PDB file of N, CA and C in Angstrom:
ATOM      1  N   MET A   1     121.733  48.209  -5.116  1.00  0.00           N
ATOM      2  CA  MET A   1     122.706  48.888  -4.281  1.00  0.00           C
ATOM      3  C   MET A   1     123.950  49.193  -5.111  1.00  0.00           C
ATOM      4  N   LEU A   2     124.472  50.414  -4.949  1.00  0.00           N
ATOM      5  CA  LEU A   2     125.664  50.813  -5.693  1.00  0.00           C
ATOM      6  C   LEU A   2     126.914  50.203  -5.086  1.00  0.00           C
ATOM      7  N   PRO A   3     127.915  49.905  -5.915  1.00  0.00           N
ATOM      8  CA  PRO A   3     129.176  49.393  -5.372  1.00  0.00           C
ATOM      9  C   PRO A   3     129.889  50.487  -4.582  1.00  0.00           C
ATOM     10  N   SER A   4     130.815  50.083  -3.754  1.00  0.00           N
ATOM     11  CA  SER A   4     131.590  51.020  -2.954  1.00  0.00           C
ATOM     12  C   SER A   4     132.361  51.992  -3.848  1.00  0.00           C
ATOM     13  N   HIS A   5     132.545  53.222  -3.371  1.00  0.00           N
ATOM     14  CA  HIS A   5     133.311  54.199  -4.139  1.00  0.00           C
ATOM     15  C   HIS A   5     134.815  54.032  -3.934  1.00  0.00           C
ATOM     16  N   HIS A   6     135.218  53.108  -3.080  1.00  0.00           N
ATOM     17  CA  HIS A   6     136.647  52.851  -2.879  1.00  0.00           C
ATOM     18  C   HIS A   6     137.122  51.834  -3.911  1.00  0.00           C
ATOM     19  N   ASP A   7     138.180  52.169  -4.596  1.00  0.00           N
ATOM     20  CA  ASP A   7     138.758  51.271  -5.579  1.00  0.00           C
ATOM     21  C   ASP A   7     139.574  50.214  -4.827  1.00  0.00           C
ATOM     22  N   PRO A   8     139.440  48.930  -5.155  1.00  0.00           N
ATOM     23  CA  PRO A   8     140.218  47.894  -4.469  1.00  0.00           C
ATOM     24  C   PRO A   8     141.724  48.119  -4.545  1.00  0.00           C
ATOM     25  N   ARG A   9     142.191  48.836  -5.581  1.00  0.00           N
ATOM     26  CA  ARG A   9     143.632  49.108  -5.715  1.00  0.00           C
ATOM     27  C   ARG A   9     144.035  50.371  -4.979  1.00  0.00           C
ATOM     28  N   GLY A  10     143.103  50.987  -4.273  1.00  0.00           N
ATOM     29  CA  GLY A  10     143.383  52.228  -3.551  1.00  0.00           C
ATOM     30  C   GLY A  10     142.747  53.409  -4.253  1.00  0.00           C
ATOM     31  N   GLY A  11     142.470  54.467  -3.520  1.00  0.00           N
ATOM     32  CA  GLY A  11     141.860  55.656  -4.095  1.00  0.00           C
ATOM     33  C   GLY A  11     140.356  55.514  -4.194  1.00  0.00           C
ATOM     34  N   PHE A  12     139.771  56.326  -5.059  1.00  0.00           N
ATOM     35  CA  PHE A  12     138.327  56.340  -5.215  1.00  0.00           C
ATOM     36  C   PHE A  12     137.955  56.109  -6.666  1.00  0.00           C
ATOM     37  N   ARG A  13     136.723  55.708  -6.876  1.00  0.00           N
ATOM     38  CA  ARG A  13     136.213  55.561  -8.229  1.00  0.00           C
ATOM     39  C   ARG A  13     134.763  56.030  -8.229  1.00  0.00           C
ATOM     40  N   ASN A  14     134.279  56.429  -9.368  1.00  0.00           N
ATOM     41  CA  ASN A  14     132.908  56.858  -9.514  1.00  0.00           C
ATOM     42  C   ASN A  14     132.024  55.617  -9.564  1.00  0.00           C
ATOM     43  N   PRO A  15     131.044  55.487  -8.647  1.00  0.00           N
ATOM     44  CA  PRO A  15     130.234  54.265  -8.615  1.00  0.00           C
ATOM     45  C   PRO A  15     129.123  54.216  -9.662  1.00  0.00           C
ATOM     46  N   TRP A  16     128.890  55.312 -10.394  1.00  0.00           N
ATOM     47  CA  TRP A  16     127.796  55.321 -11.350  1.00  0.00           C
ATOM     48  C   TRP A  16     128.161  54.495 -12.580  1.00  0.00           C
ATOM     49  N   PRO A  17     127.248  53.631 -13.011  1.00  0.00           N
ATOM     50  CA  PRO A  17     127.552  52.741 -14.145  1.00  0.00           C
ATOM     51  C   PRO A  17     127.822  53.492 -15.444  1.00  0.00           C
ATOM     52  N   THR A  18     127.266  54.689 -15.601  1.00  0.00           N
ATOM     53  CA  THR A  18     127.460  55.437 -16.845  1.00  0.00           C
ATOM     54  C   THR A  18     128.702  56.324 -16.814  1.00  0.00           C
ATOM     55  N   ALA A  19     129.451  56.315 -15.718  1.00  0.00           N
ATOM     56  CA  ALA A  19     130.632  57.173 -15.594  1.00  0.00           C
ATOM     57  C   ALA A  19     131.772  56.653 -16.465  1.00  0.00           C
ATOM     58  N   TYR A  20     132.561  57.596 -16.970  1.00  0.00           N
ATOM     59  CA  TYR A  20     133.752  57.211 -17.721  1.00  0.00           C
ATOM     60  C   TYR A  20     134.843  58.237 -17.422  1.00  0.00           C
ATOM     61  N   GLU A  21     136.064  57.865 -17.666  1.00  0.00           N
ATOM     62  CA  GLU A  21     137.206  58.747 -17.449  1.00  0.00           C
ATOM     63  C   GLU A  21     137.417  59.580 -18.704  1.00  0.00           C
ATOM     64  N   PRO A  22     137.188  60.908 -18.642  1.00  0.00           N
ATOM     65  CA  PRO A  22     137.356  61.723 -19.839  1.00  0.00           C
ATOM     66  C   PRO A  22     138.816  61.767 -20.296  1.00  0.00           C
ATOM     67  N   THR A  23     138.987  61.878 -21.595  1.00  0.00           N
ATOM     68  CA  THR A  23     140.321  61.969 -22.173  1.00  0.00           C
ATOM     69  C   THR A  23     140.691  63.428 -22.395  1.00  0.00           C
ATOM     70  N   ARG A  24     141.925  63.696 -22.785  1.00  0.00           N
ATOM     71  CA  ARG A  24     142.332  65.065 -23.132  1.00  0.00           C
ATOM     72  C   ARG A  24     141.505  65.605 -24.294  1.00  0.00           C
ATOM     73  N   ARG A  25     141.214  64.727 -25.232  1.00  0.00           N
ATOM     74  CA  ARG A  25     140.399  65.124 -26.378  1.00  0.00           C
ATOM     75  C   ARG A  25     139.008  65.581 -25.905  1.00  0.00           C
ATOM     76  N   ASP A  26     138.430  64.848 -24.946  1.00  0.00           N
ATOM     77  CA  ASP A  26     137.133  65.252 -24.379  1.00  0.00           C
ATOM     78  C   ASP A  26     137.226  66.629 -23.735  1.00  0.00           C
ATOM     79  N   LEU A  27     138.293  66.867 -22.987  1.00  0.00           N
ATOM     80  CA  LEU A  27     138.488  68.149 -22.319  1.00  0.00           C
ATOM     81  C   LEU A  27     138.622  69.284 -23.334  1.00  0.00           C
ATOM     82  N   LEU A  28     139.397  69.076 -24.369  1.00  0.00           N
ATOM     83  CA  LEU A  28     139.564  70.106 -25.396  1.00  0.00           C
ATOM     84  C   LEU A  28     138.250  70.386 -26.120  1.00  0.00           C
ATOM     85  N   ARG A  29     137.489  69.326 -26.433  1.00  0.00           N
ATOM     86  CA  ARG A  29     136.200  69.517 -27.093  1.00  0.00           C
ATOM     87  C   ARG A  29     135.245  70.295 -26.179  1.00  0.00           C
ATOM     88  N   TRP A  30     135.194  69.919 -24.903  1.00  0.00           N
ATOM     89  CA  TRP A  30     134.328  70.617 -23.946  1.00  0.00           C
ATOM     90  C   TRP A  30     134.723  72.092 -23.847  1.00  0.00           C
ATOM     91  N   SER A  31     136.023  72.357 -23.761  1.00  0.00           N
ATOM     92  CA  SER A  31     136.510  73.728 -23.656  1.00  0.00           C
ATOM     93  C   SER A  31     136.121  74.547 -24.884  1.00  0.00           C
ATOM     94  N   ARG A  32     136.300  73.977 -26.061  1.00  0.00           N
ATOM     95  CA  ARG A  32     135.948  74.664 -27.303  1.00  0.00           C
ATOM     96  C   ARG A  32     134.440  74.944 -27.362  1.00  0.00           C
ATOM     97  N   GLU A  33     133.625  73.961 -27.009  1.00  0.00           N
ATOM     98  CA  GLU A  33     132.170  74.140 -27.025  1.00  0.00           C
ATOM     99  C   GLU A  33     131.729  75.164 -25.993  1.00  0.00           C
ATOM    100  N   ARG A  34     132.371  75.161 -24.840  1.00  0.00           N
ATOM    101  CA  ARG A  34     132.016  76.106 -23.764  1.00  0.00           C
ATOM    102  C   ARG A  34     132.311  77.538 -24.201  1.00  0.00           C
ATOM    103  N   ARG A  35     133.461  77.757 -24.818  1.00  0.00           N
ATOM    104  CA  ARG A  35     133.817  79.112 -25.268  1.00  0.00           C
ATOM    105  C   ARG A  35     132.884  79.604 -26.364  1.00  0.00           C
ATOM    106  N   ALA A  36     132.325  78.683 -27.161  1.00  0.00           N
ATOM    107  CA  ALA A  36     131.450  79.061 -28.264  1.00  0.00           C
ATOM    108  C   ALA A  36     130.040  79.430 -27.791  1.00  0.00           C
ATOM    109  N   GLN A  37     129.691  79.051 -26.566  1.00  0.00           N
ATOM    110  CA  GLN A  37     128.346  79.340 -26.054  1.00  0.00           C
ATOM    111  C   GLN A  37     128.201  80.806 -25.686  1.00  0.00           C
ATOM    112  N   GLU A  38     126.988  81.315 -25.908  1.00  0.00           N
ATOM    113  CA  GLU A  38     126.680  82.650 -25.419  1.00  0.00           C
ATOM    114  C   GLU A  38     126.047  82.485 -24.049  1.00  0.00           C
ATOM    115  N   LEU A  39     126.740  82.971 -23.039  1.00  0.00           N
ATOM    116  CA  LEU A  39     126.267  82.819 -21.670  1.00  0.00           C
ATOM    117  C   LEU A  39     125.530  84.070 -21.225  1.00  0.00           C
ATOM    118  N   ALA A  40     124.523  83.877 -20.407  1.00  0.00           N
ATOM    119  CA  ALA A  40     123.798  85.020 -19.846  1.00  0.00           C
ATOM    120  C   ALA A  40     124.736  85.792 -18.928  1.00  0.00           C
ATOM    121  N   PRO A  41     124.598  87.116 -18.883  1.00  0.00           N
ATOM    122  CA  PRO A  41     125.470  87.883 -17.993  1.00  0.00           C
ATOM    123  C   PRO A  41     125.152  87.579 -16.530  1.00  0.00           C
ATOM    124  N   ASN A  42     126.143  87.754 -15.686  1.00  0.00           N
ATOM    125  CA  ASN A  42     125.929  87.546 -14.258  1.00  0.00           C
ATOM    126  C   ASN A  42     124.946  88.582 -13.740  1.00  0.00           C
ATOM    127  N   PRO A  43     124.036  88.179 -12.835  1.00  0.00           N
ATOM    128  CA  PRO A  43     123.100  89.165 -12.290  1.00  0.00           C
ATOM    129  C   PRO A  43     123.825  90.153 -11.380  1.00  0.00           C
ATOM    130  N   ARG A  44     123.285  91.352 -11.286  1.00  0.00           N
ATOM    131  CA  ARG A  44     123.835  92.338 -10.355  1.00  0.00           C
ATOM    132  C   ARG A  44     123.510  91.893  -8.932  1.00  0.00           C
ATOM    133  N   PRO A  45     124.342  92.229  -7.949  1.00  0.00           N
ATOM    134  CA  PRO A  45     124.090  91.786  -6.564  1.00  0.00           C
ATOM    135  C   PRO A  45     122.692  92.119  -6.064  1.00  0.00           C
ATOM    136  N   GLU A  46     122.161  93.272  -6.437  1.00  0.00           N
ATOM    137  CA  GLU A  46     120.830  93.651  -5.942  1.00  0.00           C
ATOM    138  C   GLU A  46     119.710  92.808  -6.569  1.00  0.00           C
ATOM    139  N   GLU A  47     120.019  92.074  -7.626  1.00  0.00           N
ATOM    140  CA  GLU A  47     119.020  91.210  -8.259  1.00  0.00           C
ATOM    141  C   GLU A  47     118.933  89.826  -7.606  1.00  0.00           C
ATOM    142  N   LEU A  48     119.905  89.495  -6.784  1.00  0.00           N
ATOM    143  CA  LEU A  48     119.927  88.177  -6.157  1.00  0.00           C
ATOM    144  C   LEU A  48     118.955  88.140  -4.980  1.00  0.00           C
ATOM    145  N   PRO A  49     118.276  87.004  -4.782  1.00  0.00           N
ATOM    146  CA  PRO A  49     117.341  86.919  -3.659  1.00  0.00           C
ATOM    147  C   PRO A  49     118.081  86.944  -2.328  1.00  0.00           C
ATOM    148  N   ARG A  50     117.451  87.544  -1.349  1.00  0.00           N
ATOM    149  CA  ARG A  50     118.034  87.630  -0.002  1.00  0.00           C
ATOM    150  C   ARG A  50     117.204  86.789   0.962  1.00  0.00           C
ATOM    151  N   GLY A  51     117.875  86.166   1.884  1.00  0.00           N
ATOM    152  CA  GLY A  51     117.185  85.392   2.912  1.00  0.00           C
ATOM    153  C   GLY A  51     117.468  85.990   4.269  1.00  0.00           C
ATOM    154  N   GLU A  52     116.561  85.768   5.177  1.00  0.00           N
ATOM    155  CA  GLU A  52     116.750  86.271   6.533  1.00  0.00           C
ATOM    156  C   GLU A  52     117.499  85.218   7.341  1.00  0.00           C
ATOM    157  N   SER A  53     118.516  85.638   8.052  1.00  0.00           N
ATOM    158  CA  SER A  53     119.324  84.716   8.841  1.00  0.00           C
ATOM    159  C   SER A  53     118.494  84.118   9.966  1.00  0.00           C
ATOM    160  N   ARG A  54     118.713  82.834  10.207  1.00  0.00           N
ATOM    161  CA  ARG A  54     118.014  82.161  11.292  1.00  0.00           C
ATOM    162  C   ARG A  54     118.995  81.732  12.367  1.00  0.00           C
ATOM    163  N   ILE A  55     120.115  82.436  12.493  1.00  0.00           N
ATOM    164  CA  ILE A  55     121.087  82.094  13.528  1.00  0.00           C
ATOM    165  C   ILE A  55     120.472  82.403  14.887  1.00  0.00           C
ATOM    166  N   ILE A  56     120.429  81.410  15.730  1.00  0.00           N
ATOM    167  CA  ILE A  56     119.912  81.591  17.074  1.00  0.00           C
ATOM    168  C   ILE A  56     121.116  81.757  17.986  1.00  0.00           C
ATOM    169  N   SER A  57     121.138  82.838  18.712  1.00  0.00           N
ATOM    170  CA  SER A  57     122.314  83.174  19.505  1.00  0.00           C
ATOM    171  C   SER A  57     122.069  82.875  20.968  1.00  0.00           C
ATOM    172  N   PRO A  58     123.009  82.373  21.703  1.00  0.00           N
ATOM    173  CA  PRO A  58     124.305  81.907  21.220  1.00  0.00           C
ATOM    174  C   PRO A  58     124.260  80.496  20.642  1.00  0.00           C
ATOM    175  N   ARG A  59     123.243  79.698  21.012  1.00  0.00           N
ATOM    176  CA  ARG A  59     123.161  78.338  20.495  1.00  0.00           C
ATOM    177  C   ARG A  59     121.703  77.992  20.225  1.00  0.00           C
ATOM    178  N   ALA A  60     121.504  77.131  19.241  1.00  0.00           N
ATOM    179  CA  ALA A  60     120.149  76.640  18.985  1.00  0.00           C
ATOM    180  C   ALA A  60     119.747  75.729  20.140  1.00  0.00           C
ATOM    181  N   PRO A  61     118.467  75.644  20.445  1.00  0.00           N
ATOM    182  CA  PRO A  61     118.033  74.706  21.494  1.00  0.00           C
ATOM    183  C   PRO A  61     118.479  73.284  21.165  1.00  0.00           C
ATOM    184  N   ALA A  62     118.676  72.492  22.199  1.00  0.00           N
ATOM    185  CA  ALA A  62     119.212  71.136  22.030  1.00  0.00           C
ATOM    186  C   ALA A  62     118.384  70.299  21.058  1.00  0.00           C
ATOM    187  N   GLY A  63     117.100  70.533  20.934  1.00  0.00           N
ATOM    188  CA  GLY A  63     116.262  69.738  20.055  1.00  0.00           C
ATOM    189  C   GLY A  63     116.234  70.217  18.615  1.00  0.00           C
ATOM    190  N   GLU A  64     116.874  71.324  18.310  1.00  0.00           N
ATOM    191  CA  GLU A  64     116.853  71.871  16.955  1.00  0.00           C
ATOM    192  C   GLU A  64     118.168  71.646  16.240  1.00  0.00           C
ATOM    193  N   MET A  65     118.081  71.497  14.917  1.00  0.00           N
ATOM    194  CA  MET A  65     119.268  71.422  14.077  1.00  0.00           C
ATOM    195  C   MET A  65     119.116  72.490  13.005  1.00  0.00           C
ATOM    196  N   LEU A  66     120.076  73.406  12.925  1.00  0.00           N
ATOM    197  CA  LEU A  66     120.028  74.485  11.948  1.00  0.00           C
ATOM    198  C   LEU A  66     121.327  74.538  11.175  1.00  0.00           C
ATOM    199  N   ALA A  67     121.230  74.881   9.894  1.00  0.00           N
ATOM    200  CA  ALA A  67     122.412  75.103   9.057  1.00  0.00           C
ATOM    201  C   ALA A  67     122.238  76.466   8.401  1.00  0.00           C
ATOM    202  N   THR A  68     123.233  77.329   8.573  1.00  0.00           N
ATOM    203  CA  THR A  68     123.189  78.664   7.987  1.00  0.00           C
ATOM    204  C   THR A  68     124.396  78.827   7.084  1.00  0.00           C
ATOM    205  N   TRP A  69     124.141  79.181   5.815  1.00  0.00           N
ATOM    206  CA  TRP A  69     125.226  79.433   4.875  1.00  0.00           C
ATOM    207  C   TRP A  69     125.845  80.776   5.213  1.00  0.00           C
ATOM    208  N   VAL A  70     127.148  80.791   5.478  1.00  0.00           N
ATOM    209  CA  VAL A  70     127.860  82.009   5.811  1.00  0.00           C
ATOM    210  C   VAL A  70     128.393  82.664   4.547  1.00  0.00           C
ATOM    211  N   GLY A  71     128.904  81.875   3.637  1.00  0.00           N
ATOM    212  CA  GLY A  71     129.445  82.375   2.383  1.00  0.00           C
ATOM    213  C   GLY A  71     130.392  81.352   1.791  1.00  0.00           C
ATOM    214  N   HIS A  72     130.536  81.380   0.472  1.00  0.00           N
ATOM    215  CA  HIS A  72     131.379  80.458  -0.279  1.00  0.00           C
ATOM    216  C   HIS A  72     131.083  79.024   0.148  1.00  0.00           C
ATOM    217  N   SER A  73     131.958  78.385   0.880  1.00  0.00           N
ATOM    218  CA  SER A  73     131.728  77.006   1.307  1.00  0.00           C
ATOM    219  C   SER A  73     131.690  76.899   2.830  1.00  0.00           C
ATOM    220  N   THR A  74     131.322  77.969   3.496  1.00  0.00           N
ATOM    221  CA  THR A  74     131.295  77.993   4.953  1.00  0.00           C
ATOM    222  C   THR A  74     129.853  77.936   5.454  1.00  0.00           C
ATOM    223  N   PHE A  75     129.626  77.081   6.424  1.00  0.00           N
ATOM    224  CA  PHE A  75     128.311  76.949   7.049  1.00  0.00           C
ATOM    225  C   PHE A  75     128.462  77.005   8.563  1.00  0.00           C
ATOM    226  N   LEU A  76     127.460  77.564   9.230  1.00  0.00           N
ATOM    227  CA  LEU A  76     127.346  77.481  10.679  1.00  0.00           C
ATOM    228  C   LEU A  76     126.314  76.405  10.951  1.00  0.00           C
ATOM    229  N   LEU A  77     126.735  75.319  11.591  1.00  0.00           N
ATOM    230  CA  LEU A  77     125.832  74.234  11.953  1.00  0.00           C
ATOM    231  C   LEU A  77     125.546  74.350  13.438  1.00  0.00           C
ATOM    232  N   GLN A  78     124.275  74.336  13.790  1.00  0.00           N
ATOM    233  CA  GLN A  78     123.872  74.367  15.190  1.00  0.00           C
ATOM    234  C   GLN A  78     123.134  73.071  15.464  1.00  0.00           C
ATOM    235  N   VAL A  79     123.814  72.171  16.173  1.00  0.00           N
ATOM    236  CA  VAL A  79     123.317  70.818  16.383  1.00  0.00           C
ATOM    237  C   VAL A  79     123.499  70.435  17.842  1.00  0.00           C
ATOM    238  N   GLY A  80     122.455  69.939  18.447  1.00  0.00           N
ATOM    239  CA  GLY A  80     122.560  69.433  19.818  1.00  0.00           C
ATOM    240  C   GLY A  80     123.091  70.458  20.801  1.00  0.00           C
ATOM    241  N   GLY A  81     122.752  71.718  20.614  1.00  0.00           N
ATOM    242  CA  GLY A  81     123.219  72.756  21.523  1.00  0.00           C
ATOM    243  C   GLY A  81     124.645  73.223  21.265  1.00  0.00           C
ATOM    244  N   ALA A  82     125.265  72.757  20.193  1.00  0.00           N
ATOM    245  CA  ALA A  82     126.643  73.162  19.877  1.00  0.00           C
ATOM    246  C   ALA A  82     126.676  73.916  18.558  1.00  0.00           C
ATOM    247  N   ASN A  83     127.593  74.859  18.443  1.00  0.00           N
ATOM    248  CA  ASN A  83     127.839  75.578  17.191  1.00  0.00           C
ATOM    249  C   ASN A  83     129.086  75.005  16.533  1.00  0.00           C
ATOM    250  N   VAL A  84     128.975  74.682  15.242  1.00  0.00           N
ATOM    251  CA  VAL A  84     130.117  74.165  14.489  1.00  0.00           C
ATOM    252  C   VAL A  84     130.240  75.002  13.222  1.00  0.00           C
ATOM    253  N   LEU A  85     131.404  75.622  13.025  1.00  0.00           N
ATOM    254  CA  LEU A  85     131.660  76.420  11.838  1.00  0.00           C
ATOM    255  C   LEU A  85     132.521  75.595  10.891  1.00  0.00           C
ATOM    256  N   THR A  86     132.048  75.396   9.661  1.00  0.00           N
ATOM    257  CA  THR A  86     132.792  74.583   8.692  1.00  0.00           C
ATOM    258  C   THR A  86     133.426  75.490   7.645  1.00  0.00           C
ATOM    259  N   ASP A  87     134.607  75.159   7.250  1.00  0.00           N
ATOM    260  CA  ASP A  87     135.265  75.834   6.138  1.00  0.00           C
ATOM    261  C   ASP A  87     136.498  75.022   5.785  1.00  0.00           C
ATOM    262  N   PRO A  88     136.638  74.655   4.525  1.00  0.00           N
ATOM    263  CA  PRO A  88     137.790  73.832   4.161  1.00  0.00           C
ATOM    264  C   PRO A  88     139.096  74.615   4.080  1.00  0.00           C
ATOM    265  N   HIS A  89     139.045  75.927   4.249  1.00  0.00           N
ATOM    266  CA  HIS A  89     140.253  76.720   4.020  1.00  0.00           C
ATOM    267  C   HIS A  89     140.318  77.895   4.995  1.00  0.00           C
ATOM    268  N   TRP A  90     141.144  77.776   6.011  1.00  0.00           N
ATOM    269  CA  TRP A  90     141.326  78.863   6.981  1.00  0.00           C
ATOM    270  C   TRP A  90     142.800  79.270   7.068  1.00  0.00           C
ATOM    271  N   SER A  91     143.543  79.130   6.013  1.00  0.00           N
ATOM    272  CA  SER A  91     144.965  79.448   6.093  1.00  0.00           C
ATOM    273  C   SER A  91     145.322  80.542   5.092  1.00  0.00           C
ATOM    274  N   GLU A  92     146.557  80.983   5.147  1.00  0.00           N
ATOM    275  CA  GLU A  92     147.044  82.040   4.260  1.00  0.00           C
ATOM    276  C   GLU A  92     147.108  81.574   2.806  1.00  0.00           C
ATOM    277  N   ARG A  93     147.362  80.269   2.593  1.00  0.00           N
ATOM    278  CA  ARG A  93     147.545  79.747   1.243  1.00  0.00           C
ATOM    279  C   ARG A  93     146.677  78.517   1.009  1.00  0.00           C
ATOM    280  N   ALA A  94     146.239  78.351  -0.242  1.00  0.00           N
ATOM    281  CA  ALA A  94     145.494  77.155  -0.634  1.00  0.00           C
ATOM    282  C   ALA A  94     146.499  76.122  -1.132  1.00  0.00           C
ATOM    283  N   SER A  95     147.230  75.542  -0.207  1.00  0.00           N
ATOM    284  CA  SER A  95     148.308  74.631  -0.562  1.00  0.00           C
ATOM    285  C   SER A  95     148.636  73.751   0.640  1.00  0.00           C
ATOM    286  N   PRO A  96     149.107  72.537   0.397  1.00  0.00           N
ATOM    287  CA  PRO A  96     149.558  71.726   1.518  1.00  0.00           C
ATOM    288  C   PRO A  96     150.897  72.215   2.084  1.00  0.00           C
ATOM    289  N   LEU A  97     151.552  73.121   1.372  1.00  0.00           N
ATOM    290  CA  LEU A  97     152.839  73.667   1.832  1.00  0.00           C
ATOM    291  C   LEU A  97     152.631  75.100   2.316  1.00  0.00           C
ATOM    292  N   SER A  98     153.092  75.415   3.506  1.00  0.00           N
ATOM    293  CA  SER A  98     152.872  76.742   4.065  1.00  0.00           C
ATOM    294  C   SER A  98     153.622  77.843   3.323  1.00  0.00           C
ATOM    295  N   TRP A  99     154.622  77.478   2.532  1.00  0.00           N
ATOM    296  CA  TRP A  99     155.452  78.480   1.858  1.00  0.00           C
ATOM    297  C   TRP A  99     155.198  78.559   0.352  1.00  0.00           C
ATOM    298  N   ALA A 100     154.289  77.738  -0.178  1.00  0.00           N
ATOM    299  CA  ALA A 100     154.061  77.723  -1.625  1.00  0.00           C
ATOM    300  C   ALA A 100     152.570  77.636  -1.929  1.00  0.00           C
ATOM    301  N   GLY A 101     152.200  78.127  -3.070  1.00  0.00           N
ATOM    302  CA  GLY A 101     150.822  78.017  -3.515  1.00  0.00           C
ATOM    303  C   GLY A 101     150.098  79.359  -3.472  1.00  0.00           C
ATOM    304  N   PRO A 102     148.919  79.374  -4.057  1.00  0.00           N
ATOM    305  CA  PRO A 102     148.150  80.628  -4.098  1.00  0.00           C
ATOM    306  C   PRO A 102     147.604  80.993  -2.732  1.00  0.00           C
TER     307      PRO A 102
END
């Protein structure tokens, strides 16, 4: 059994035994190696596979559980006869302050 991901001093910690805290030197080395790689070009939109939506309107039957990817990090969850839309960001700015941030 893995240890808890909560650090006794507060916050979180990585529970994997092989995990380590990278240093600035590690970050710079990774950045340099990443820039030196030849990456495949991004596929054109028409080359990406398409799936057929399984959204059941207005609600999935009570015995069914469905998850539909809407885009980016948004999902429509249909569970127990209820629709739940998830998205970590529904505001004008990606910031804890309403007047600052991107």
